[in-house]
Amino acid sequence: MQRTTKNKPVVSVLLPFRDAARTIGECIESILAQSLAAIEIIAVNDYSADGSADLLQRYNDDRIKLIGADRRGLVSALNTGLAHCAAPLVARMDADDIMHRRRLEKQHEYLRDRPDVVLVAAQARKFPQQLVQNGYREYMRWQNAVLSSEDVNNQIYIESPFAHPSVMFRRDSILAAGGYRHGVFPEDYELWLRLLHIGHRMEKLPQVLLDWRESATRLSRVSDKYSRKAFDSIRARYLSQDKRIHNKPLAFWGAGRKTRQRARRLLEKGFEATVWIDIDPKKIGNRIDGVEVVEPAWLEQAVVDGDKPFVLNYVTNHGARDIARTYLERIGYVMGQDYLEVG
């Protein structure tokens, strides 16, 4: 017997896929097993050549709606699917991931009860463990700790704060913001940054509701859109528009070569460094484009003198970043108000 639902869907699951025959079955089973039954699955075939679409057609469930992408590529597939979503809430999902049984129920209830929140994500767990490298473990530790809208607003320039396939958002708000955009940048991170600048609230449930598959062939490893250069560029673009740093003296924390290269993307947009800060004694007293490198104690005197600069902490080493954060907060700096961390 075909599985049907008489109720209109309250959540559309947006599932683009390309050549996912190996994993899409497990993914679909996790969606169909959700405790929230009033859903539809908008499965967008991004020109698969491995029989993925044939596998979906074998499911006897009218909640699965198989459509073809208008053009090749993930962004086109996402926007095509978004246009077909009938529910007011859209949950993203990737064809190689697995959602926990109550994920859609919990996110639906959260957005239902909080009309001021446009997007809610969930904590995620990478698998299989043997493929997850230390850098990604640290990223997940950080990402899973970014929960409140304040956390998101203050830490979004470090990295993407959400696992894309863990989010649920209000369809009309995303369409009004322009949907997903094409460009040489990570389409999800660019959307989160855009929503932040529009003024939308984004939050995360403090529960692991997604198993997020790690793979050597995932798109973020093989496409220039997800390179370090692409992330740095889109970060600088939106950071330059952030009113929190406008019309303020800026101190850049981190005088190493790689740090300076990343900070230069912001400087090239017309911002100036009042001072560079570093803890390396070998760098203290040097000058970068005529601007002095000083030790952190310089900030304490600036606070006393009433010339407190806004600090942009560009240090990416997690231990060193934490040292800088602890120091700044000890001398009275407040994240988001007096300083921001930049990845």
Protein backbone atom coordinates (compact mmCIF):
# COMPACT_ATOMS: atom_id res chain seq x y z
CA MET A 1 0.00 0.00 0.00
CA GLN A 2 1.21 3.47 -0.82
CA ARG A 3 1.99 5.67 2.19
CA THR A 4 0.02 8.92 2.02
CA THR A 5 -0.77 11.80 4.32
CA LYS A 6 -4.09 13.64 4.26
CA ASN A 7 -2.67 16.71 5.96
CA LYS A 8 -0.80 19.45 4.18
CA PRO A 9 2.91 19.28 4.94
CA VAL A 10 4.10 21.53 7.74
CA VAL A 11 7.74 20.91 6.79
CA SER A 12 9.33 20.46 3.37
CA VAL A 13 12.62 18.57 3.38
CA LEU A 14 14.86 20.05 0.70
CA LEU A 15 17.13 17.26 -0.53
CA PRO A 16 19.35 17.91 -3.55
CA PHE A 17 21.35 14.91 -4.73
CA ARG A 18 23.86 13.87 -7.38
CA ASP A 19 25.19 10.34 -7.80
CA ALA A 20 24.22 9.37 -4.26
CA ALA A 21 23.07 5.79 -4.87
CA ARG A 22 25.40 4.47 -2.18
CA THR A 23 23.93 6.55 0.65
CA ILE A 24 20.57 7.99 -0.36
CA GLY A 25 18.59 4.98 0.81
CA GLU A 26 19.77 5.32 4.41
CA CYS A 27 19.11 9.05 4.24
CA ILE A 28 15.54 8.64 2.93
CA GLU A 29 14.76 5.98 5.51
CA SER A 30 15.80 8.37 8.29
CA ILE A 31 13.44 11.03 6.91
CA LEU A 32 10.48 8.69 6.44
CA ALA A 33 10.96 7.45 10.02
CA GLN A 34 10.53 10.94 11.49
CA SER A 35 8.13 11.37 14.40
CA LEU A 36 6.64 14.30 12.47
CA ALA A 37 4.62 12.72 9.66
CA ALA A 38 3.16 15.82 7.98
CA ILE A 39 6.15 16.38 5.71
CA GLU A 40 7.11 16.29 2.07
CA ILE A 41 10.51 15.46 0.61
CA ILE A 42 11.52 17.64 -2.31
CA ALA A 43 14.24 15.48 -3.85
CA VAL A 44 16.07 17.45 -6.54
CA ASN A 45 18.04 15.37 -9.01
CA ASP A 46 21.15 17.33 -9.95
CA TYR A 47 21.86 15.36 -13.13
CA SER A 48 22.70 12.06 -11.45
CA ALA A 49 24.12 9.29 -13.60
CA ASP A 50 24.28 6.43 -11.10
CA GLY A 51 20.63 5.44 -10.73
CA SER A 52 19.96 7.53 -7.62
CA ALA A 53 16.64 8.76 -9.02
CA ASP A 54 15.57 5.19 -9.83
CA LEU A 55 16.13 4.21 -6.20
CA LEU A 56 13.84 7.01 -5.01
CA GLN A 57 11.09 6.03 -7.43
CA ARG A 58 10.89 2.60 -5.77
CA TYR A 59 9.55 4.12 -2.55
CA ASN A 60 5.79 3.75 -2.27
CA ASP A 61 5.26 7.02 -0.45
CA ASP A 62 3.61 10.05 -2.02
CA ARG A 63 5.46 12.39 0.34
CA ILE A 64 8.52 11.95 -1.87
CA LYS A 65 8.42 14.39 -4.80
CA LEU A 66 11.18 13.83 -7.32
CA ILE A 67 12.05 16.79 -9.53
CA GLY A 68 14.89 17.70 -11.84
CA ALA A 69 17.22 20.65 -11.36
CA ASP A 70 16.92 23.48 -13.87
CA ARG A 71 20.68 23.66 -14.30
CA ARG A 72 23.69 21.76 -13.06
CA GLY A 73 25.12 22.64 -9.68
CA LEU A 74 24.13 22.66 -6.03
CA VAL A 75 22.90 26.28 -5.91
CA SER A 76 20.58 25.74 -8.86
CA ALA A 77 19.28 22.52 -7.30
CA LEU A 78 18.66 24.29 -3.99
CA ASN A 79 16.77 27.16 -5.58
CA THR A 80 14.78 24.84 -7.83
CA GLY A 81 13.79 22.77 -4.80
CA LEU A 82 13.00 25.82 -2.72
CA ALA A 83 10.55 26.99 -5.37
CA HIS A 84 8.75 23.62 -5.14
CA CYS A 85 8.52 23.51 -1.34
CA ALA A 86 4.88 23.81 -0.27
CA ALA A 87 5.36 24.04 3.50
CA PRO A 88 6.15 27.27 5.35
CA LEU A 89 9.16 25.61 6.99
CA VAL A 90 12.01 24.03 5.04
CA ALA A 91 14.51 21.55 6.49
CA ARG A 92 17.75 21.07 4.59
CA MET A 93 19.18 17.61 4.17
CA ASP A 94 21.99 16.04 2.18
CA ALA A 95 21.77 12.64 0.57
CA ASP A 96 24.66 11.14 2.53
CA ASP A 97 23.52 12.20 6.01
CA ILE A 98 21.15 10.74 8.58
CA MET A 99 18.66 12.67 10.69
CA HIS A 100 17.63 11.57 14.16
CA ARG A 101 14.03 10.46 14.54
CA ARG A 102 12.71 13.58 16.32
CA ARG A 103 14.77 16.18 14.47
CA LEU A 104 11.94 17.63 12.36
CA GLU A 105 9.48 17.54 15.25
CA LYS A 106 11.81 19.43 17.57
CA GLN A 107 12.79 22.07 15.03
CA HIS A 108 9.19 22.54 13.91
CA GLU A 109 8.06 23.08 17.51
CA TYR A 110 10.92 25.51 18.13
CA LEU A 111 10.04 27.73 15.19
CA ARG A 112 6.32 27.44 15.89
CA ASP A 113 6.83 28.78 19.41
CA ARG A 114 9.35 31.49 18.41
CA PRO A 115 8.01 33.57 15.52
CA ASP A 116 10.97 35.95 15.80
CA VAL A 117 13.46 33.19 14.88
CA VAL A 118 13.98 32.68 11.15
CA LEU A 119 16.37 29.72 11.25
CA VAL A 120 17.12 26.99 13.76
CA ALA A 121 19.93 24.51 13.34
CA ALA A 122 20.89 21.49 15.44
CA GLN A 123 24.12 20.12 16.80
CA ALA A 124 25.72 17.53 14.53
CA ARG A 125 28.03 14.56 14.88
CA LYS A 126 30.58 13.65 12.20
CA PHE A 127 30.87 10.03 11.09
CA PRO A 128 32.53 7.63 10.50
CA GLN A 129 34.90 8.56 13.31
CA GLN A 130 38.00 7.08 11.69
CA LEU A 131 37.77 9.61 8.83
CA VAL A 132 37.36 12.68 11.02
CA GLN A 133 40.65 14.55 11.35
CA ASN A 134 41.67 16.59 14.39
CA GLY A 135 41.01 19.92 12.71
CA TYR A 136 37.46 18.93 11.95
CA ARG A 137 36.97 17.59 15.48
CA GLU A 138 37.93 21.00 16.84
CA TYR A 139 35.63 22.72 14.35
CA MET A 140 32.71 20.56 15.48
CA ARG A 141 33.51 21.25 19.12
CA TRP A 142 33.34 24.97 18.36
CA GLN A 143 30.30 24.76 16.10
CA ASN A 144 28.25 22.72 18.54
CA ALA A 145 28.88 25.33 21.24
CA VAL A 146 27.47 28.19 19.12
CA LEU A 147 23.83 28.06 20.22
CA SER A 148 22.13 31.38 20.93
CA SER A 149 21.48 34.17 18.44
CA GLU A 150 24.07 36.18 20.37
CA ASP A 151 26.61 33.38 19.91
CA VAL A 152 25.87 33.33 16.18
CA ASN A 153 26.09 37.11 15.78
CA ASN A 154 29.36 37.34 17.67
CA GLN A 155 31.15 34.30 16.25
CA ILE A 156 29.90 34.05 12.67
CA TYR A 157 33.12 35.56 11.29
CA ILE A 158 35.15 32.69 12.74
CA GLU A 159 33.55 29.99 10.61
CA SER A 160 30.18 28.79 9.39
CA PRO A 161 28.25 28.23 12.63
CA PHE A 162 25.82 25.65 11.22
CA ALA A 163 26.00 22.30 9.50
CA HIS A 164 23.97 23.11 6.39
CA PRO A 165 21.94 19.86 6.41
CA SER A 166 20.98 20.49 10.06
CA VAL A 167 19.05 23.72 9.51
CA MET A 168 15.34 24.45 9.28
CA PHE A 169 14.20 27.89 8.14
CA ARG A 170 11.16 29.91 7.20
CA ARG A 171 10.72 29.54 3.45
CA ASP A 172 9.28 33.01 2.81
CA SER A 173 12.10 34.72 4.73
CA ILE A 174 14.75 32.94 2.68
CA LEU A 175 13.00 33.73 -0.59
CA ALA A 176 12.63 37.38 0.44
CA ALA A 177 16.38 37.45 1.18
CA GLY A 178 17.11 36.25 -2.35
CA GLY A 179 17.47 32.50 -1.83
CA TYR A 180 20.82 30.86 -2.45
CA ARG A 181 23.31 32.85 -4.51
CA HIS A 182 25.76 31.77 -7.17
CA GLY A 183 29.38 32.73 -6.72
CA VAL A 184 32.86 31.54 -5.83
CA PHE A 185 31.95 31.24 -2.16
CA PRO A 186 30.29 28.66 0.12
CA GLU A 187 26.59 29.16 -0.62
CA ASP A 188 25.43 28.26 2.88
CA TYR A 189 27.91 30.50 4.75
CA GLU A 190 27.08 33.40 2.44
CA LEU A 191 23.38 32.93 3.22
CA TRP A 192 23.98 32.91 6.99
CA LEU A 193 26.04 36.11 6.70
CA ARG A 194 23.35 37.73 4.56
CA LEU A 195 20.60 36.80 7.03
CA LEU A 196 22.69 38.24 9.87
CA HIS A 197 23.05 41.57 8.07
CA ILE A 198 19.33 41.68 7.31
CA GLY A 199 18.75 41.34 11.05
CA HIS A 200 17.24 37.84 11.23
CA ARG A 201 17.57 35.72 14.36
CA MET A 202 19.30 32.36 13.94
CA GLU A 203 19.70 29.83 16.74
CA LYS A 204 20.63 26.20 17.38
CA LEU A 205 19.11 23.42 19.44
CA PRO A 206 21.51 22.04 22.07
CA GLN A 207 20.93 18.48 20.84
CA VAL A 208 22.69 16.30 18.28
CA LEU A 209 20.00 15.65 15.68
CA LEU A 210 22.13 14.98 12.59
CA ASP A 211 24.81 12.46 11.72
CA TRP A 212 26.94 14.39 9.24
CA ARG A 213 28.96 12.14 6.96
CA GLU A 214 32.66 12.76 6.40
CA SER A 215 34.07 11.80 3.01
CA ALA A 216 37.22 12.48 1.04
CA THR A 217 35.04 13.32 -1.98
CA ARG A 218 32.57 15.70 -0.35
CA LEU A 219 32.04 18.94 -2.23
CA SER A 220 33.69 21.09 0.41
CA ARG A 221 36.96 19.23 -0.21
CA VAL A 222 37.03 19.35 -4.01
CA SER A 223 35.44 22.68 -5.03
CA ASP A 224 37.12 26.10 -5.10
CA LYS A 225 33.91 27.53 -3.63
CA TYR A 226 34.92 26.03 -0.28
CA SER A 227 38.61 26.91 -0.33
CA ARG A 228 40.28 28.97 2.38
CA LYS A 229 40.53 31.84 -0.10
CA ALA A 230 36.78 31.73 -0.77
CA PHE A 231 35.93 31.75 2.94
CA ASP A 232 38.35 34.61 3.65
CA SER A 233 36.92 36.67 0.81
CA ILE A 234 33.24 36.33 1.75
CA ARG A 235 34.08 36.91 5.43
CA ALA A 236 35.88 40.17 4.64
CA ARG A 237 33.06 41.31 2.40
CA TYR A 238 30.42 41.03 5.10
CA LEU A 239 32.69 42.07 7.97
CA SER A 240 33.37 45.32 6.10
CA GLN A 241 29.62 45.98 6.20
CA ASP A 242 29.26 45.26 9.91
CA LYS A 243 28.27 48.48 11.69
CA ARG A 244 30.00 47.33 14.87
CA ILE A 245 33.40 48.16 13.37
CA HIS A 246 32.47 51.36 11.55
CA ASN A 247 33.84 54.71 12.69
CA LYS A 248 36.00 53.12 15.38
CA PRO A 249 39.76 52.82 15.81
CA LEU A 250 40.71 49.22 15.01
CA ALA A 251 43.39 47.07 16.61
CA PHE A 252 44.34 43.90 14.75
CA TRP A 253 45.47 41.02 16.98
CA GLY A 254 48.02 38.83 15.22
CA ALA A 255 51.08 40.08 13.35
CA GLY A 256 52.17 36.84 11.70
CA ARG A 257 52.43 36.64 7.91
CA LYS A 258 49.34 34.49 7.32
CA THR A 259 47.31 36.59 9.75
CA ARG A 260 48.33 39.79 7.98
CA GLN A 261 47.35 38.31 4.63
CA ARG A 262 43.84 37.55 5.86
CA ALA A 263 43.48 40.92 7.60
CA ARG A 264 44.60 42.70 4.43
CA ARG A 265 41.31 41.76 2.76
CA LEU A 266 39.56 44.07 5.21
CA LEU A 267 42.21 46.79 5.01
CA GLU A 268 41.83 46.84 1.24
CA LYS A 269 38.20 47.84 1.74
CA GLY A 270 39.22 51.14 3.27
CA PHE A 271 39.73 50.26 6.93
CA GLU A 272 42.89 51.22 8.80
CA ALA A 273 44.80 49.62 11.64
CA THR A 274 45.50 51.83 14.64
CA VAL A 275 47.85 49.20 15.99
CA TRP A 276 48.83 45.54 15.58
CA ILE A 277 48.93 43.36 18.69
CA ASP A 278 51.04 40.25 19.19
CA ILE A 279 52.44 38.19 22.04
CA ASP A 280 55.61 37.17 20.17
CA PRO A 281 58.52 39.24 21.57
CA LYS A 282 60.27 39.04 18.19
CA LYS A 283 57.44 40.97 16.55
CA ILE A 284 57.00 43.68 19.20
CA GLY A 285 58.32 47.01 17.91
CA ASN A 286 58.10 46.04 14.24
CA ARG A 287 55.95 48.09 11.89
CA ILE A 288 53.40 46.86 9.37
CA ASP A 289 52.72 49.44 6.67
CA GLY A 290 53.94 52.04 9.12
CA VAL A 291 51.74 50.82 11.99
CA GLU A 292 53.47 49.62 15.16
CA VAL A 293 53.24 46.09 16.55
CA VAL A 294 52.67 46.26 20.32
CA GLU A 295 52.19 43.84 23.19
CA PRO A 296 48.71 43.28 24.68
CA ALA A 297 49.49 45.53 27.67
CA TRP A 298 49.18 48.46 25.26
CA LEU A 299 45.42 47.84 25.28
CA GLU A 300 45.20 48.21 29.05
CA GLN A 301 46.76 51.66 28.87
CA ALA A 302 44.46 52.59 25.98
CA VAL A 303 41.46 51.63 28.11
CA VAL A 304 42.78 53.77 30.98
CA ASP A 305 43.35 56.70 28.62
CA GLY A 306 39.85 56.42 27.18
CA ASP A 307 41.11 55.51 23.69
CA LYS A 308 39.82 51.95 23.70
CA PRO A 309 40.06 50.52 20.17
CA PHE A 310 37.78 47.84 18.74
CA VAL A 311 39.82 44.62 18.49
CA LEU A 312 39.66 42.19 15.59
CA ASN A 313 41.28 38.95 16.69
CA TYR A 314 42.60 37.23 13.57
CA VAL A 315 44.49 34.48 15.41
CA THR A 316 43.16 31.12 14.18
CA ASN A 317 45.09 28.72 16.42
CA HIS A 318 42.40 27.68 18.89
CA GLY A 319 44.65 27.76 21.94
CA ALA A 320 46.08 31.17 21.06
CA ARG A 321 42.62 32.50 20.22
CA ASP A 322 41.40 31.44 23.64
CA ILE A 323 44.36 33.17 25.31
CA ALA A 324 43.52 36.39 23.50
CA ARG A 325 39.84 36.09 24.40
CA THR A 326 40.63 35.51 28.08
CA TYR A 327 42.95 38.51 28.13
CA LEU A 328 40.46 40.82 26.41
CA GLU A 329 37.66 39.88 28.75
CA ARG A 330 39.92 40.30 31.77
CA ILE A 331 40.53 43.94 30.86
CA GLY A 332 36.83 44.58 30.30
CA TYR A 333 36.31 43.83 26.61
CA VAL A 334 32.95 42.31 25.65
CA MET A 335 32.65 40.11 22.58
CA GLY A 336 30.46 41.68 19.92
CA GLN A 337 30.61 45.04 21.63
CA ASP A 338 34.36 45.65 21.90
CA TYR A 339 35.90 42.86 19.87
CA LEU A 340 35.20 40.16 17.30
CA GLU A 341 37.08 37.02 16.35
CA VAL A 342 37.80 36.41 12.67
CA GLY A 343 38.67 33.05 11.16
